[in-house]
Amino acid sequence: MIEGKIGSKALTLTTEPKGKEGVIEVMLANGKTEKVSWVRDEQGIWIETSSGFFGYDVRKTESDDGSPEYELLRRKQFEVESKINFLKRGEGGLSGEQKAKKGVKIKSQMPGKIVRILVKVGDAVIRGQSLLVMEAMKMENEIKSPQDGIIKEIKVKESQAIETGAELLLFV
């Protein structure tokens, strides 16, 4: 079994996905199970659930402690899920206290230009709060906080051009 969390949703993969396509069984936090069909392509994955058919570009990143994390960029929308990680049953992770000491880095998902910075160092932010506005592919996109915290460092300036993976800000 593989346990994971996507945003605030906890889930357990009761079968491990292998190969280029297949069907796996997923146990949701409410205890219900659902069969999920998936197909990998060059950039990511297409998933079919009872809720519909969804495409995601998948980017592997690394947490501050060196463990793998994944970012999902939903295709046809500017919707990013980040800080996704999965542990096989029995594997441990850092405690919440250890994670809090390191801080959370917000990184750019694509190249663009910083249009507006909506927070300053020392501001308390809540999950989902807009942190900055970035122009990418002729669209303005709000970058939102993945969790509650306090802004520790802003690593960009307004009008600055940035590349994919550039650190935008850090908070604890």
C-alpha atoms as a PDB file:
ATOM      1  CA  MET A   1       0.000   0.000   0.000  1.00  0.00           C
ATOM      2  CA  ILE A   2       1.075   3.567  -0.675  1.00  0.00           C
ATOM      3  CA  GLU A   3      -0.299   6.384   1.452  1.00  0.00           C
ATOM      4  CA  GLY A   4      -0.394   9.957   0.223  1.00  0.00           C
ATOM      5  CA  LYS A   5      -1.888  13.369   0.507  1.00  0.00           C
ATOM      6  CA  ILE A   6      -2.935  15.704  -2.301  1.00  0.00           C
ATOM      7  CA  GLY A   7      -3.670  19.105  -0.800  1.00  0.00           C
ATOM      8  CA  SER A   8      -5.841  18.346   2.229  1.00  0.00           C
ATOM      9  CA  LYS A   9      -7.134  15.033   0.811  1.00  0.00           C
ATOM     10  CA  ALA A  10      -5.555  11.891   2.246  1.00  0.00           C
ATOM     11  CA  LEU A  11      -5.703   8.724   0.190  1.00  0.00           C
ATOM     12  CA  THR A  12      -4.269   5.220   0.095  1.00  0.00           C
ATOM     13  CA  LEU A  13      -3.361   3.376  -3.089  1.00  0.00           C
ATOM     14  CA  THR A  14      -4.276  -0.246  -2.356  1.00  0.00           C
ATOM     15  CA  THR A  15      -2.488  -1.346  -5.539  1.00  0.00           C
ATOM     16  CA  GLU A  16       0.747   0.156  -6.830  1.00  0.00           C
ATOM     17  CA  PRO A  17       0.626   1.744 -10.304  1.00  0.00           C
ATOM     18  CA  LYS A  18       3.103   0.087 -12.668  1.00  0.00           C
ATOM     19  CA  GLY A  19       3.743   0.493 -16.368  1.00  0.00           C
ATOM     20  CA  LYS A  20       2.344   3.017 -18.811  1.00  0.00           C
ATOM     21  CA  GLU A  21      -1.355   2.516 -18.050  1.00  0.00           C
ATOM     22  CA  GLY A  22      -3.675   0.579 -15.808  1.00  0.00           C
ATOM     23  CA  VAL A  23      -6.369   0.570 -13.189  1.00  0.00           C
ATOM     24  CA  ILE A  24      -5.663   0.984  -9.482  1.00  0.00           C
ATOM     25  CA  GLU A  25      -7.852   0.981  -6.423  1.00  0.00           C
ATOM     26  CA  VAL A  26      -7.728   4.069  -4.215  1.00  0.00           C
ATOM     27  CA  MET A  27      -9.064   4.256  -0.667  1.00  0.00           C
ATOM     28  CA  LEU A  28     -10.262   7.760   0.215  1.00  0.00           C
ATOM     29  CA  ALA A  29     -10.062   9.285   3.706  1.00  0.00           C
ATOM     30  CA  ASN A  30     -13.766   8.518   4.255  1.00  0.00           C
ATOM     31  CA  GLY A  31     -12.999   4.780   3.884  1.00  0.00           C
ATOM     32  CA  LYS A  32     -14.645   4.387   0.472  1.00  0.00           C
ATOM     33  CA  THR A  33     -12.684   2.781  -2.345  1.00  0.00           C
ATOM     34  CA  GLU A  34     -12.736   3.775  -5.985  1.00  0.00           C
ATOM     35  CA  LYS A  35     -11.188   2.323  -9.118  1.00  0.00           C
ATOM     36  CA  VAL A  36      -9.089   4.850 -11.030  1.00  0.00           C
ATOM     37  CA  SER A  37      -7.907   4.362 -14.623  1.00  0.00           C
ATOM     38  CA  TRP A  38      -4.696   6.093 -15.657  1.00  0.00           C
ATOM     39  CA  VAL A  39      -2.477   6.539 -18.694  1.00  0.00           C
ATOM     40  CA  ARG A  40       0.987   8.104 -18.637  1.00  0.00           C
ATOM     41  CA  ASP A  41       2.229  10.324 -21.450  1.00  0.00           C
ATOM     42  CA  GLU A  42       5.501  12.235 -21.943  1.00  0.00           C
ATOM     43  CA  GLN A  43       4.621  15.125 -19.605  1.00  0.00           C
ATOM     44  CA  GLY A  44       2.400  13.494 -17.028  1.00  0.00           C
ATOM     45  CA  ILE A  45      -0.766  11.516 -16.582  1.00  0.00           C
ATOM     46  CA  TRP A  46      -4.435  11.290 -17.575  1.00  0.00           C
ATOM     47  CA  ILE A  47      -6.751  10.026 -14.832  1.00  0.00           C
ATOM     48  CA  GLU A  48     -10.347   8.817 -15.111  1.00  0.00           C
ATOM     49  CA  THR A  49     -12.390   8.730 -11.900  1.00  0.00           C
ATOM     50  CA  SER A  50     -16.093   8.702 -11.122  1.00  0.00           C
ATOM     51  CA  SER A  51     -15.857  12.520 -11.159  1.00  0.00           C
ATOM     52  CA  GLY A  52     -14.544  12.719 -14.732  1.00  0.00           C
ATOM     53  CA  PHE A  53     -11.424  12.659 -16.883  1.00  0.00           C
ATOM     54  CA  PHE A  54      -8.451  14.855 -15.850  1.00  0.00           C
ATOM     55  CA  GLY A  55      -4.997  15.534 -17.290  1.00  0.00           C
ATOM     56  CA  TYR A  56      -1.987  16.638 -15.243  1.00  0.00           C
ATOM     57  CA  ASP A  57       1.597  17.553 -16.024  1.00  0.00           C
ATOM     58  CA  VAL A  58       3.741  16.003 -13.295  1.00  0.00           C
ATOM     59  CA  ARG A  59       6.946  17.585 -12.045  1.00  0.00           C
ATOM     60  CA  LYS A  60       9.163  15.846  -9.526  1.00  0.00           C
ATOM     61  CA  THR A  61      10.750  18.193  -7.002  1.00  0.00           C
ATOM     62  CA  GLU A  62      12.585  17.773  -3.741  1.00  0.00           C
ATOM     63  CA  SER A  63      11.581  18.901  -0.248  1.00  0.00           C
ATOM     64  CA  ASP A  64      14.007  20.774   1.997  1.00  0.00           C
ATOM     65  CA  ASP A  65      15.034  17.476   3.606  1.00  0.00           C
ATOM     66  CA  GLY A  66      15.759  15.838   0.228  1.00  0.00           C
ATOM     67  CA  SER A  67      12.698  13.571  -0.006  1.00  0.00           C
ATOM     68  CA  PRO A  68      10.809  13.491  -3.329  1.00  0.00           C
ATOM     69  CA  GLU A  69       7.678  15.601  -3.779  1.00  0.00           C
ATOM     70  CA  TYR A  70       5.515  16.117  -6.827  1.00  0.00           C
ATOM     71  CA  GLU A  71       3.672  19.038  -8.347  1.00  0.00           C
ATOM     72  CA  LEU A  72       0.594  18.525 -10.508  1.00  0.00           C
ATOM     73  CA  LEU A  73      -0.330  21.198 -13.044  1.00  0.00           C
ATOM     74  CA  ARG A  74      -3.886  20.546 -14.186  1.00  0.00           C
ATOM     75  CA  ARG A  75      -4.096  20.717 -17.959  1.00  0.00           C
ATOM     76  CA  LYS A  76      -6.334  23.338 -19.588  1.00  0.00           C
ATOM     77  CA  GLN A  77      -6.442  25.285 -16.300  1.00  0.00           C
ATOM     78  CA  PHE A  78      -3.905  27.133 -14.210  1.00  0.00           C
ATOM     79  CA  GLU A  79      -4.398  24.969 -11.157  1.00  0.00           C
ATOM     80  CA  VAL A  80      -1.349  23.646  -9.334  1.00  0.00           C
ATOM     81  CA  GLU A  81      -1.209  21.149  -6.491  1.00  0.00           C
ATOM     82  CA  SER A  82       2.207  21.171  -4.891  1.00  0.00           C
ATOM     83  CA  LYS A  83       4.008  19.527  -1.987  1.00  0.00           C
ATOM     84  CA  ILE A  84       2.530  16.136  -2.895  1.00  0.00           C
ATOM     85  CA  ASN A  85       4.343  13.198  -1.431  1.00  0.00           C
ATOM     86  CA  PHE A  86       3.708   9.510  -1.013  1.00  0.00           C
ATOM     87  CA  LEU A  87       5.190   7.115   1.502  1.00  0.00           C
ATOM     88  CA  LYS A  88       5.043   3.347   1.394  1.00  0.00           C
ATOM     89  CA  ARG A  89       3.452   1.967   4.552  1.00  0.00           C
ATOM     90  CA  GLY A  90       5.970   2.015   7.394  1.00  0.00           C
ATOM     91  CA  GLU A  91       8.148   4.802   5.952  1.00  0.00           C
ATOM     92  CA  GLY A  92       8.406   7.803   8.226  1.00  0.00           C
ATOM     93  CA  GLY A  93       8.631  11.460   7.379  1.00  0.00           C
ATOM     94  CA  LEU A  94       9.752  14.537   9.257  1.00  0.00           C
ATOM     95  CA  SER A  95       7.630  15.616  12.194  1.00  0.00           C
ATOM     96  CA  GLY A  96       5.603  18.800  11.822  1.00  0.00           C
ATOM     97  CA  GLU A  97       8.035  20.578  14.148  1.00  0.00           C
ATOM     98  CA  GLN A  98      11.034  19.658  11.970  1.00  0.00           C
ATOM     99  CA  LYS A  99       9.212  20.757   8.793  1.00  0.00           C
ATOM    100  CA  ALA A 100       8.218  24.083  10.328  1.00  0.00           C
ATOM    101  CA  LYS A 101      11.842  24.936  11.112  1.00  0.00           C
ATOM    102  CA  LYS A 102      12.823  24.604   7.443  1.00  0.00           C
ATOM    103  CA  GLY A 103      10.051  26.776   6.013  1.00  0.00           C
ATOM    104  CA  VAL A 104       8.056  26.415   2.832  1.00  0.00           C
ATOM    105  CA  LYS A 105       9.443  27.599  -0.503  1.00  0.00           C
ATOM    106  CA  ILE A 106       7.042  28.766  -3.184  1.00  0.00           C
ATOM    107  CA  LYS A 107       8.532  28.164  -6.636  1.00  0.00           C
ATOM    108  CA  SER A 108       7.470  29.256 -10.099  1.00  0.00           C
ATOM    109  CA  GLN A 109       5.661  26.589 -12.128  1.00  0.00           C
ATOM    110  CA  MET A 110       6.520  28.250 -15.449  1.00  0.00           C
ATOM    111  CA  PRO A 111       8.530  31.161 -16.826  1.00  0.00           C
ATOM    112  CA  GLY A 112       6.904  34.572 -16.523  1.00  0.00           C
ATOM    113  CA  LYS A 113       7.050  38.044 -15.018  1.00  0.00           C
ATOM    114  CA  ILE A 114       6.089  39.171 -11.514  1.00  0.00           C
ATOM    115  CA  VAL A 115       3.276  41.727 -11.850  1.00  0.00           C
ATOM    116  CA  ARG A 116       2.340  42.417  -8.206  1.00  0.00           C
ATOM    117  CA  ILE A 117       3.543  41.282  -4.795  1.00  0.00           C
ATOM    118  CA  LEU A 118       0.564  41.188  -2.425  1.00  0.00           C
ATOM    119  CA  VAL A 119       2.380  40.439   0.851  1.00  0.00           C
ATOM    120  CA  LYS A 120       5.419  41.698   2.750  1.00  0.00           C
ATOM    121  CA  VAL A 121       7.932  40.079   5.096  1.00  0.00           C
ATOM    122  CA  GLY A 122       6.317  39.365   8.473  1.00  0.00           C
ATOM    123  CA  ASP A 123       2.747  39.118   7.138  1.00  0.00           C
ATOM    124  CA  ALA A 124       0.649  36.244   8.469  1.00  0.00           C
ATOM    125  CA  VAL A 125      -1.052  34.383   5.613  1.00  0.00           C
ATOM    126  CA  ILE A 126      -3.732  31.717   5.479  1.00  0.00           C
ATOM    127  CA  ARG A 127      -4.087  28.776   3.126  1.00  0.00           C
ATOM    128  CA  GLY A 128      -5.494  29.916  -0.224  1.00  0.00           C
ATOM    129  CA  GLN A 129      -4.545  33.575   0.267  1.00  0.00           C
ATOM    130  CA  SER A 130      -3.089  35.282  -2.808  1.00  0.00           C
ATOM    131  CA  LEU A 131       0.632  35.984  -2.365  1.00  0.00           C
ATOM    132  CA  LEU A 132       1.616  37.464  -5.708  1.00  0.00           C
ATOM    133  CA  VAL A 133       0.474  37.862  -9.298  1.00  0.00           C
ATOM    134  CA  MET A 134       2.573  36.464 -12.125  1.00  0.00           C
ATOM    135  CA  GLU A 135       2.063  36.961 -15.844  1.00  0.00           C
ATOM    136  CA  ALA A 136       2.700  33.823 -17.871  1.00  0.00           C
ATOM    137  CA  MET A 137       1.568  33.000 -21.389  1.00  0.00           C
ATOM    138  CA  LYS A 138      -0.236  36.387 -21.619  1.00  0.00           C
ATOM    139  CA  MET A 139      -2.372  35.580 -18.556  1.00  0.00           C
ATOM    140  CA  GLU A 140      -2.199  36.945 -15.033  1.00  0.00           C
ATOM    141  CA  ASN A 141      -2.117  34.129 -12.477  1.00  0.00           C
ATOM    142  CA  GLU A 142      -2.437  34.485  -8.721  1.00  0.00           C
ATOM    143  CA  ILE A 143       0.021  32.393  -6.733  1.00  0.00           C
ATOM    144  CA  LYS A 144      -1.717  31.277  -3.542  1.00  0.00           C
ATOM    145  CA  SER A 145      -0.465  30.040  -0.199  1.00  0.00           C
ATOM    146  CA  PRO A 146      -0.543  26.238   0.184  1.00  0.00           C
ATOM    147  CA  GLN A 147      -0.889  26.576   3.985  1.00  0.00           C
ATOM    148  CA  ASP A 148      -1.061  29.003   6.897  1.00  0.00           C
ATOM    149  CA  GLY A 149       2.209  30.698   7.833  1.00  0.00           C
ATOM    150  CA  ILE A 150       4.265  33.865   8.140  1.00  0.00           C
ATOM    151  CA  ILE A 151       6.195  35.391   5.227  1.00  0.00           C
ATOM    152  CA  LYS A 152       9.903  35.020   6.013  1.00  0.00           C
ATOM    153  CA  GLU A 153      11.525  36.194   2.763  1.00  0.00           C
ATOM    154  CA  ILE A 154      10.421  37.548  -0.612  1.00  0.00           C
ATOM    155  CA  LYS A 155      12.916  36.496  -3.279  1.00  0.00           C
ATOM    156  CA  VAL A 156      11.531  38.426  -6.274  1.00  0.00           C
ATOM    157  CA  LYS A 157      10.669  42.011  -7.220  1.00  0.00           C
ATOM    158  CA  GLU A 158       7.810  43.426  -9.263  1.00  0.00           C
ATOM    159  CA  SER A 159       8.550  43.440 -13.036  1.00  0.00           C
ATOM    160  CA  GLN A 160      11.213  40.742 -12.566  1.00  0.00           C
ATOM    161  CA  ALA A 161      11.359  38.018 -15.230  1.00  0.00           C
ATOM    162  CA  ILE A 162      11.607  34.521 -13.732  1.00  0.00           C
ATOM    163  CA  GLU A 163      12.269  31.008 -14.990  1.00  0.00           C
ATOM    164  CA  THR A 164      10.530  27.734 -14.163  1.00  0.00           C
ATOM    165  CA  GLY A 165      11.530  26.542 -10.688  1.00  0.00           C
ATOM    166  CA  ALA A 166      12.681  29.988  -9.494  1.00  0.00           C
ATOM    167  CA  GLU A 167      12.082  30.550  -5.773  1.00  0.00           C
ATOM    168  CA  LEU A 168       9.473  33.273  -5.283  1.00  0.00           C
ATOM    169  CA  LEU A 169       9.141  33.460  -1.507  1.00  0.00           C
ATOM    170  CA  LEU A 170       9.712  31.580   1.721  1.00  0.00           C
ATOM    171  CA  PHE A 171       7.426  31.328   4.708  1.00  0.00           C
ATOM    172  CA  VAL A 172       7.232  29.433   7.992  1.00  0.00           C
END
